[in-house]
C-alpha atoms as a PDB file:
ATOM      1  CA  MET A   1     -65.997  33.164  21.493  1.00  0.00           C
ATOM      2  CA  VAL A   2     -67.207  36.441  23.254  1.00  0.00           C
ATOM      3  CA  VAL A   3     -69.797  34.262  25.494  1.00  0.00           C
ATOM      4  CA  LEU A   4     -66.697  31.815  26.360  1.00  0.00           C
ATOM      5  CA  GLY A   5     -64.758  34.457  27.297  1.00  0.00           C
ATOM      6  CA  VAL A   6     -67.112  36.038  29.593  1.00  0.00           C
ATOM      7  CA  LEU A   7     -68.011  32.475  31.583  1.00  0.00           C
ATOM      8  CA  VAL A   8     -64.167  32.342  31.770  1.00  0.00           C
ATOM      9  CA  LEU A   9     -63.644  35.522  33.085  1.00  0.00           C
ATOM     10  CA  GLY A  10     -66.476  35.117  35.262  1.00  0.00           C
ATOM     11  CA  THR A  11     -65.303  31.754  36.730  1.00  0.00           C
ATOM     12  CA  TRP A  12     -61.910  33.121  37.277  1.00  0.00           C
ATOM     13  CA  ARG A  13     -63.170  36.183  39.441  1.00  0.00           C
ATOM     14  CA  GLU A  14     -65.477  33.627  41.515  1.00  0.00           C
ATOM     15  CA  PHE A  15     -61.758  31.526  41.882  1.00  0.00           C
ATOM     16  CA  GLN A  16     -60.399  34.598  42.653  1.00  0.00           C
ATOM     17  CA  SER A  17     -62.497  36.063  45.306  1.00  0.00           C
ATOM     18  CA  GLY A  18     -62.543  32.646  47.134  1.00  0.00           C
ATOM     19  CA  ARG A  19     -65.945  30.831  45.931  1.00  0.00           C
ATOM     20  CA  ARG A  20     -66.759  27.955  44.059  1.00  0.00           C
ATOM     21  CA  PRO A  21     -68.368  28.764  40.545  1.00  0.00           C
ATOM     22  CA  LYS A  22     -72.204  28.265  40.552  1.00  0.00           C
ATOM     23  CA  GLY A  23     -73.056  26.013  37.716  1.00  0.00           C
ATOM     24  CA  VAL A  24     -71.428  24.304  34.984  1.00  0.00           C
ATOM     25  CA  ALA A  25     -71.802  26.543  32.099  1.00  0.00           C
ATOM     26  CA  HIS A  26     -68.169  26.720  31.838  1.00  0.00           C
ATOM     27  CA  TYR A  27     -68.006  22.881  31.731  1.00  0.00           C
ATOM     28  CA  LEU A  28     -70.682  22.905  29.085  1.00  0.00           C
ATOM     29  CA  THR A  29     -68.892  25.383  26.799  1.00  0.00           C
ATOM     30  CA  GLY A  30     -65.564  23.531  26.801  1.00  0.00           C
ATOM     31  CA  ALA A  31     -67.438  20.179  25.929  1.00  0.00           C
ATOM     32  CA  PHE A  32     -69.115  21.763  23.139  1.00  0.00           C
ATOM     33  CA  TYR A  33     -66.350  23.561  21.612  1.00  0.00           C
ATOM     34  CA  LEU A  34     -64.094  20.113  22.457  1.00  0.00           C
ATOM     35  CA  ALA A  35     -66.981  18.503  20.417  1.00  0.00           C
ATOM     36  CA  TYR A  36     -67.676  21.032  17.787  1.00  0.00           C
ATOM     37  CA  GLY A  37     -64.054  21.592  16.217  1.00  0.00           C
ATOM     38  CA  PRO A  38     -63.421  18.150  14.991  1.00  0.00           C
ATOM     39  CA  ALA A  39     -66.853  18.394  13.897  1.00  0.00           C
ATOM     40  CA  ALA A  40     -66.718  21.598  11.961  1.00  0.00           C
ATOM     41  CA  VAL A  41     -63.246  20.254  10.568  1.00  0.00           C
ATOM     42  CA  ALA A  42     -64.717  17.260   9.168  1.00  0.00           C
ATOM     43  CA  TYR A  43     -67.627  19.264   7.873  1.00  0.00           C
ATOM     44  CA  THR A  44     -65.466  22.115   6.034  1.00  0.00           C
ATOM     45  CA  GLY A  45     -62.322  20.899   6.029  1.00  0.00           C
ATOM     46  CA  MET A  46     -61.429  24.161   7.292  1.00  0.00           C
ATOM     47  CA  ALA A  47     -57.893  23.556   9.588  1.00  0.00           C
ATOM     48  CA  PHE A  48     -59.403  26.921  11.555  1.00  0.00           C
ATOM     49  CA  PHE A  49     -62.197  24.853  13.494  1.00  0.00           C
ATOM     50  CA  TRP A  50     -59.166  23.283  15.160  1.00  0.00           C
ATOM     51  CA  VAL A  51     -58.937  26.633  17.518  1.00  0.00           C
ATOM     52  CA  PHE A  52     -62.200  25.632  19.019  1.00  0.00           C
ATOM     53  CA  PHE A  53     -60.745  22.171  19.889  1.00  0.00           C
ATOM     54  CA  GLY A  54     -58.053  24.265  21.792  1.00  0.00           C
ATOM     55  CA  LEU A  55     -60.257  26.525  23.636  1.00  0.00           C
ATOM     56  CA  GLY A  56     -62.590  23.836  24.892  1.00  0.00           C
ATOM     57  CA  LEU A  57     -59.624  21.903  25.960  1.00  0.00           C
ATOM     58  CA  THR A  58     -58.157  24.796  27.918  1.00  0.00           C
ATOM     59  CA  VAL A  59     -61.316  25.764  29.456  1.00  0.00           C
ATOM     60  CA  LEU A  60     -61.587  22.085  30.850  1.00  0.00           C
ATOM     61  CA  VAL A  61     -58.288  21.622  32.075  1.00  0.00           C
ATOM     62  CA  SER A  62     -58.205  24.655  33.595  1.00  0.00           C
ATOM     63  CA  SER A  63     -61.850  24.309  35.461  1.00  0.00           C
ATOM     64  CA  LEU A  64     -61.089  21.209  36.402  1.00  0.00           C
ATOM     65  CA  CYS A  65     -57.344  22.041  38.013  1.00  0.00           C
ATOM     66  CA  LEU A  66     -58.874  25.175  39.778  1.00  0.00           C
ATOM     67  CA  SER A  67     -61.499  23.532  41.291  1.00  0.00           C
ATOM     68  CA  ARG A  68     -59.098  20.590  42.533  1.00  0.00           C
ATOM     69  CA  ALA A  69     -56.717  23.215  43.701  1.00  0.00           C
ATOM     70  CA  MET A  70     -59.189  24.897  45.951  1.00  0.00           C
ATOM     71  CA  PRO A  71     -61.246  22.232  48.127  1.00  0.00           C
ATOM     72  CA  GLY A  72     -60.996  23.341  51.727  1.00  0.00           C
ATOM     73  CA  TYR A  73     -58.819  25.940  51.027  1.00  0.00           C
ATOM     74  CA  TYR A  74     -61.440  28.865  51.291  1.00  0.00           C
ATOM     75  CA  SER A  75     -63.580  26.608  53.725  1.00  0.00           C
ATOM     76  CA  SER A  76     -62.967  29.132  56.476  1.00  0.00           C
ATOM     77  CA  PRO A  77     -62.369  32.406  57.089  1.00  0.00           C
ATOM     78  CA  PRO A  78     -58.538  33.214  57.795  1.00  0.00           C
ATOM     79  CA  THR A  79     -57.843  33.830  61.557  1.00  0.00           C
ATOM     80  CA  SER A  80     -56.273  36.871  62.869  1.00  0.00           C
ATOM     81  CA  ARG A  81     -53.498  36.744  65.444  1.00  0.00           C
END
């Protein structure tokens, strides 16, 4: 969970500075959590592991939304008047 937090904060920082995130670490982590949550619930029977499903879904949806919201927005530097 700490690694996920660091990846999300790093991705957010890159979006805030106008760069697209390099690599696919946030997508891979989100997909892993999305698969791990239900598998862990099925294996252990503990509802707590649905948290991982929620985190994975949140990371994937927010990464996709942010990446689609930015194409072309930061492609050229702002012009001064």
